[in-house]
Amino acid sequence: MLYSPRMFARKLHVEIIDDGAARPCPLDWLDSFAMRNFTGSAEFDDTLPIADGEIEAGLSVQPARLAQALQDFLNKRGKGNGHELQVTIREIKPA
């Protein structure tokens, strides 16, 4: 599959808020979410995890919808070790 340079036109920072403390979302969690595509929503096909807390995304990806879907995914899989995780996503503006 060939990717257009515009497909991943934005960089997003993904944080997990766990018991009040924020940290970058681990890359393996982002990879699991991206590979499973459990949402059935084609807009999330335009995401590419690149590092802890970093995703490249297409212009059709809405950060708030992605954050909610990722949060639901992680909590269903018990990643919070007994408590709910929150996910925040913000766009990284080019320097």
N, C-alpha and C. Protein backbone atom coordinates (compact mmCIF):
# COMPACT_ATOMS: atom_id res chain seq x y z
N MET A 1 0.84 -1.16 0.00
CA MET A 1 0.00 0.00 0.00
C MET A 1 0.89 1.24 0.00
N LEU A 2 0.60 2.18 -0.86
CA LEU A 2 1.35 3.43 -0.92
C LEU A 2 0.63 4.48 -0.10
N TYR A 3 1.39 5.28 0.63
CA TYR A 3 0.82 6.33 1.45
C TYR A 3 1.11 7.68 0.84
N SER A 4 0.12 8.51 0.81
CA SER A 4 0.28 9.88 0.36
C SER A 4 1.00 10.66 1.45
N PRO A 5 1.86 11.61 1.08
CA PRO A 5 2.52 12.43 2.10
C PRO A 5 1.50 13.18 2.97
N ARG A 6 0.32 13.46 2.42
CA ARG A 6 -0.70 14.18 3.17
C ARG A 6 -1.46 13.25 4.12
N MET A 7 -1.38 11.94 3.91
CA MET A 7 -2.15 11.02 4.73
C MET A 7 -1.80 11.21 6.21
N PHE A 8 -0.52 11.36 6.52
CA PHE A 8 -0.08 11.54 7.89
C PHE A 8 0.46 12.96 8.06
N ALA A 9 -0.39 13.94 7.79
CA ALA A 9 0.00 15.34 7.73
C ALA A 9 0.16 15.99 9.10
N ARG A 10 -0.32 15.33 10.16
CA ARG A 10 -0.26 15.94 11.49
C ARG A 10 0.42 15.01 12.48
N LYS A 11 1.02 15.61 13.49
CA LYS A 11 1.58 14.84 14.60
C LYS A 11 0.73 15.14 15.83
N LEU A 12 0.39 14.07 16.55
CA LEU A 12 -0.42 14.20 17.74
C LEU A 12 0.34 13.67 18.95
N HIS A 13 0.17 14.36 20.08
CA HIS A 13 0.76 13.93 21.34
C HIS A 13 -0.34 13.27 22.16
N VAL A 14 -0.10 12.04 22.61
CA VAL A 14 -1.09 11.25 23.34
C VAL A 14 -0.61 11.02 24.77
N GLU A 15 -1.40 11.50 25.73
CA GLU A 15 -1.07 11.31 27.13
C GLU A 15 -2.11 10.45 27.82
N ILE A 16 -1.63 9.64 28.75
CA ILE A 16 -2.47 8.84 29.63
C ILE A 16 -2.48 9.54 30.98
N ILE A 17 -3.66 9.73 31.53
CA ILE A 17 -3.77 10.26 32.88
C ILE A 17 -4.18 9.10 33.77
N ASP A 18 -3.25 8.71 34.63
CA ASP A 18 -3.40 7.53 35.47
C ASP A 18 -3.30 7.97 36.93
N ASP A 19 -4.43 7.93 37.63
CA ASP A 19 -4.47 8.33 39.04
C ASP A 19 -3.94 9.74 39.24
N GLY A 20 -4.32 10.64 38.32
CA GLY A 20 -3.95 12.05 38.41
C GLY A 20 -2.62 12.42 37.80
N ALA A 21 -1.81 11.44 37.43
CA ALA A 21 -0.49 11.72 36.84
C ALA A 21 -0.52 11.48 35.34
N ALA A 22 -0.02 12.45 34.58
CA ALA A 22 0.02 12.34 33.11
C ALA A 22 1.37 11.79 32.67
N ARG A 23 1.31 10.93 31.63
CA ARG A 23 2.54 10.40 31.04
C ARG A 23 2.23 10.06 29.58
N PRO A 24 3.26 9.99 28.74
CA PRO A 24 3.03 9.61 27.35
C PRO A 24 2.46 8.20 27.27
N CYS A 25 1.55 7.99 26.36
CA CYS A 25 0.97 6.66 26.15
C CYS A 25 2.06 5.75 25.57
N PRO A 26 2.25 4.57 26.16
CA PRO A 26 3.28 3.66 25.64
C PRO A 26 3.02 3.27 24.18
N LEU A 27 4.11 3.17 23.44
CA LEU A 27 4.01 2.83 22.01
C LEU A 27 3.30 1.50 21.80
N ASP A 28 3.56 0.50 22.65
CA ASP A 28 2.92 -0.80 22.43
C ASP A 28 1.40 -0.71 22.60
N TRP A 29 0.91 0.18 23.46
CA TRP A 29 -0.54 0.37 23.60
C TRP A 29 -1.10 1.04 22.35
N LEU A 30 -0.37 2.04 21.83
CA LEU A 30 -0.82 2.71 20.60
C LEU A 30 -0.82 1.73 19.43
N ASP A 31 0.23 0.90 19.35
CA ASP A 31 0.30 -0.11 18.28
C ASP A 31 -0.88 -1.08 18.36
N SER A 32 -1.19 -1.56 19.56
CA SER A 32 -2.30 -2.50 19.73
C SER A 32 -3.60 -1.89 19.26
N PHE A 33 -3.84 -0.65 19.64
CA PHE A 33 -5.06 0.04 19.22
C PHE A 33 -5.10 0.18 17.70
N ALA A 34 -4.00 0.62 17.12
CA ALA A 34 -3.96 0.86 15.67
C ALA A 34 -4.12 -0.43 14.87
N MET A 35 -3.53 -1.51 15.35
CA MET A 35 -3.60 -2.77 14.60
C MET A 35 -4.95 -3.45 14.73
N ARG A 36 -5.60 -3.31 15.87
CA ARG A 36 -6.86 -4.00 16.09
C ARG A 36 -8.01 -3.32 15.38
N ASN A 37 -7.93 -1.99 15.24
CA ASN A 37 -9.00 -1.22 14.61
C ASN A 37 -10.36 -1.70 15.09
N PHE A 38 -10.51 -1.82 16.40
CA PHE A 38 -11.73 -2.36 16.98
C PHE A 38 -12.93 -1.45 16.79
N THR A 39 -12.71 -0.19 16.49
CA THR A 39 -13.81 0.77 16.41
C THR A 39 -14.65 0.57 15.16
N GLY A 40 -14.07 0.01 14.11
CA GLY A 40 -14.78 -0.10 12.85
C GLY A 40 -14.90 1.25 12.14
N SER A 41 -14.24 2.26 12.65
CA SER A 41 -14.31 3.59 12.08
C SER A 41 -13.11 3.81 11.17
N ALA A 42 -13.39 4.03 9.90
CA ALA A 42 -12.33 4.16 8.90
C ALA A 42 -11.41 5.35 9.17
N GLU A 43 -11.90 6.38 9.87
CA GLU A 43 -11.06 7.55 10.12
C GLU A 43 -9.81 7.19 10.91
N PHE A 44 -9.87 6.15 11.74
CA PHE A 44 -8.72 5.77 12.54
C PHE A 44 -7.72 4.95 11.74
N ASP A 45 -8.06 4.59 10.51
CA ASP A 45 -7.10 3.92 9.65
C ASP A 45 -5.95 4.86 9.29
N ASP A 46 -6.20 6.16 9.38
CA ASP A 46 -5.20 7.17 9.03
C ASP A 46 -4.37 7.57 10.24
N THR A 47 -3.98 6.58 11.06
CA THR A 47 -3.11 6.84 12.20
C THR A 47 -1.90 5.93 12.13
N LEU A 48 -0.77 6.46 12.56
CA LEU A 48 0.46 5.69 12.55
C LEU A 48 1.24 6.00 13.84
N PRO A 49 1.25 5.08 14.82
CA PRO A 49 2.04 5.29 16.03
C PRO A 49 3.52 5.32 15.67
N ILE A 50 4.26 6.31 16.24
CA ILE A 50 5.67 6.42 15.89
C ILE A 50 6.60 6.37 17.09
N ALA A 51 6.08 6.66 18.29
CA ALA A 51 6.90 6.64 19.51
C ALA A 51 5.97 6.70 20.71
N ASP A 52 6.53 6.54 21.91
CA ASP A 52 5.71 6.73 23.10
C ASP A 52 5.06 8.11 23.03
N GLY A 53 3.74 8.15 23.12
CA GLY A 53 3.02 9.41 23.14
C GLY A 53 2.93 10.14 21.82
N GLU A 54 3.30 9.51 20.71
CA GLU A 54 3.26 10.20 19.42
C GLU A 54 2.60 9.37 18.34
N ILE A 55 1.69 10.03 17.64
CA ILE A 55 0.99 9.43 16.50
C ILE A 55 1.05 10.42 15.35
N GLU A 56 1.28 9.92 14.15
CA GLU A 56 1.07 10.73 12.96
C GLU A 56 -0.33 10.39 12.48
N ALA A 57 -1.05 11.41 12.00
CA ALA A 57 -2.45 11.20 11.64
C ALA A 57 -2.83 12.01 10.41
N GLY A 58 -3.83 11.50 9.73
CA GLY A 58 -4.38 12.20 8.58
C GLY A 58 -5.30 13.34 9.01
N LEU A 59 -5.66 14.17 8.07
CA LEU A 59 -6.49 15.33 8.36
C LEU A 59 -7.91 14.94 8.77
N SER A 60 -8.36 13.74 8.42
CA SER A 60 -9.72 13.32 8.77
C SER A 60 -9.85 12.86 10.22
N VAL A 61 -8.73 12.65 10.90
CA VAL A 61 -8.75 12.16 12.28
C VAL A 61 -9.08 13.32 13.22
N GLN A 62 -10.12 13.14 14.02
CA GLN A 62 -10.50 14.13 15.01
C GLN A 62 -9.89 13.73 16.35
N PRO A 63 -8.97 14.53 16.89
CA PRO A 63 -8.28 14.15 18.12
C PRO A 63 -9.22 13.79 19.28
N ALA A 64 -10.31 14.50 19.45
CA ALA A 64 -11.22 14.21 20.56
C ALA A 64 -11.87 12.84 20.39
N ARG A 65 -12.28 12.50 19.17
CA ARG A 65 -12.88 11.18 18.92
C ARG A 65 -11.84 10.07 19.08
N LEU A 66 -10.62 10.33 18.62
CA LEU A 66 -9.55 9.35 18.77
C LEU A 66 -9.24 9.13 20.25
N ALA A 67 -9.19 10.20 21.03
CA ALA A 67 -8.91 10.08 22.47
C ALA A 67 -9.96 9.23 23.16
N GLN A 68 -11.24 9.46 22.85
CA GLN A 68 -12.30 8.69 23.48
C GLN A 68 -12.23 7.22 23.08
N ALA A 69 -11.99 6.95 21.80
CA ALA A 69 -11.90 5.56 21.33
C ALA A 69 -10.71 4.84 21.96
N LEU A 70 -9.56 5.52 22.05
CA LEU A 70 -8.38 4.92 22.66
C LEU A 70 -8.62 4.68 24.16
N GLN A 71 -9.24 5.65 24.82
CA GLN A 71 -9.55 5.51 26.25
C GLN A 71 -10.45 4.31 26.49
N ASP A 72 -11.49 4.16 25.69
CA ASP A 72 -12.40 3.01 25.82
C ASP A 72 -11.64 1.71 25.61
N PHE A 73 -10.79 1.67 24.59
CA PHE A 73 -10.00 0.48 24.27
C PHE A 73 -9.10 0.09 25.44
N LEU A 74 -8.37 1.05 25.98
CA LEU A 74 -7.43 0.76 27.07
C LEU A 74 -8.15 0.33 28.34
N ASN A 75 -9.26 0.97 28.65
CA ASN A 75 -9.99 0.61 29.86
C ASN A 75 -10.66 -0.76 29.74
N LYS A 76 -11.13 -1.12 28.55
CA LYS A 76 -11.71 -2.45 28.35
C LYS A 76 -10.66 -3.54 28.53
N ARG A 77 -9.41 -3.21 28.27
CA ARG A 77 -8.34 -4.19 28.39
C ARG A 77 -7.63 -4.14 29.74
N GLY A 78 -8.17 -3.35 30.67
CA GLY A 78 -7.64 -3.32 32.03
C GLY A 78 -6.27 -2.69 32.18
N LYS A 79 -5.91 -1.79 31.28
CA LYS A 79 -4.58 -1.17 31.35
C LYS A 79 -4.41 -0.26 32.56
N GLY A 80 -5.51 0.11 33.21
CA GLY A 80 -5.42 0.97 34.38
C GLY A 80 -5.24 0.22 35.69
N ASN A 81 -5.05 -1.09 35.61
CA ASN A 81 -4.84 -1.90 36.81
C ASN A 81 -5.89 -1.63 37.90
N GLY A 82 -7.14 -1.68 37.50
CA GLY A 82 -8.22 -1.55 38.47
C GLY A 82 -8.87 -0.18 38.54
N HIS A 83 -8.31 0.81 37.90
CA HIS A 83 -8.98 2.11 37.86
C HIS A 83 -8.97 2.64 36.44
N GLU A 84 -9.86 3.60 36.20
CA GLU A 84 -10.05 4.13 34.85
C GLU A 84 -8.91 5.06 34.43
N LEU A 85 -8.46 4.87 33.21
CA LEU A 85 -7.49 5.77 32.60
C LEU A 85 -8.23 6.85 31.83
N GLN A 86 -7.62 8.00 31.69
CA GLN A 86 -8.12 9.03 30.80
C GLN A 86 -7.06 9.25 29.73
N VAL A 87 -7.50 9.64 28.55
CA VAL A 87 -6.58 9.90 27.44
C VAL A 87 -6.81 11.33 26.96
N THR A 88 -5.72 12.06 26.76
CA THR A 88 -5.79 13.38 26.15
C THR A 88 -4.89 13.37 24.92
N ILE A 89 -5.36 14.05 23.89
CA ILE A 89 -4.59 14.14 22.64
C ILE A 89 -4.59 15.59 22.20
N ARG A 90 -3.40 16.07 21.85
CA ARG A 90 -3.29 17.43 21.31
C ARG A 90 -2.37 17.38 20.09
N GLU A 91 -2.62 18.30 19.19
CA GLU A 91 -1.80 18.39 18.00
C GLU A 91 -0.48 19.06 18.34
N ILE A 92 0.59 18.52 17.79
CA ILE A 92 1.92 19.12 17.93
C ILE A 92 2.11 20.05 16.74
N LYS A 93 2.22 21.31 17.04
CA LYS A 93 2.40 22.32 15.98
C LYS A 93 3.85 22.31 15.51
N PRO A 94 4.06 22.37 14.19
CA PRO A 94 5.44 22.42 13.69
C PRO A 94 6.16 23.66 14.19
N ALA A 95 7.44 23.53 14.42
CA ALA A 95 8.24 24.66 14.95
C ALA A 95 8.51 25.68 13.89
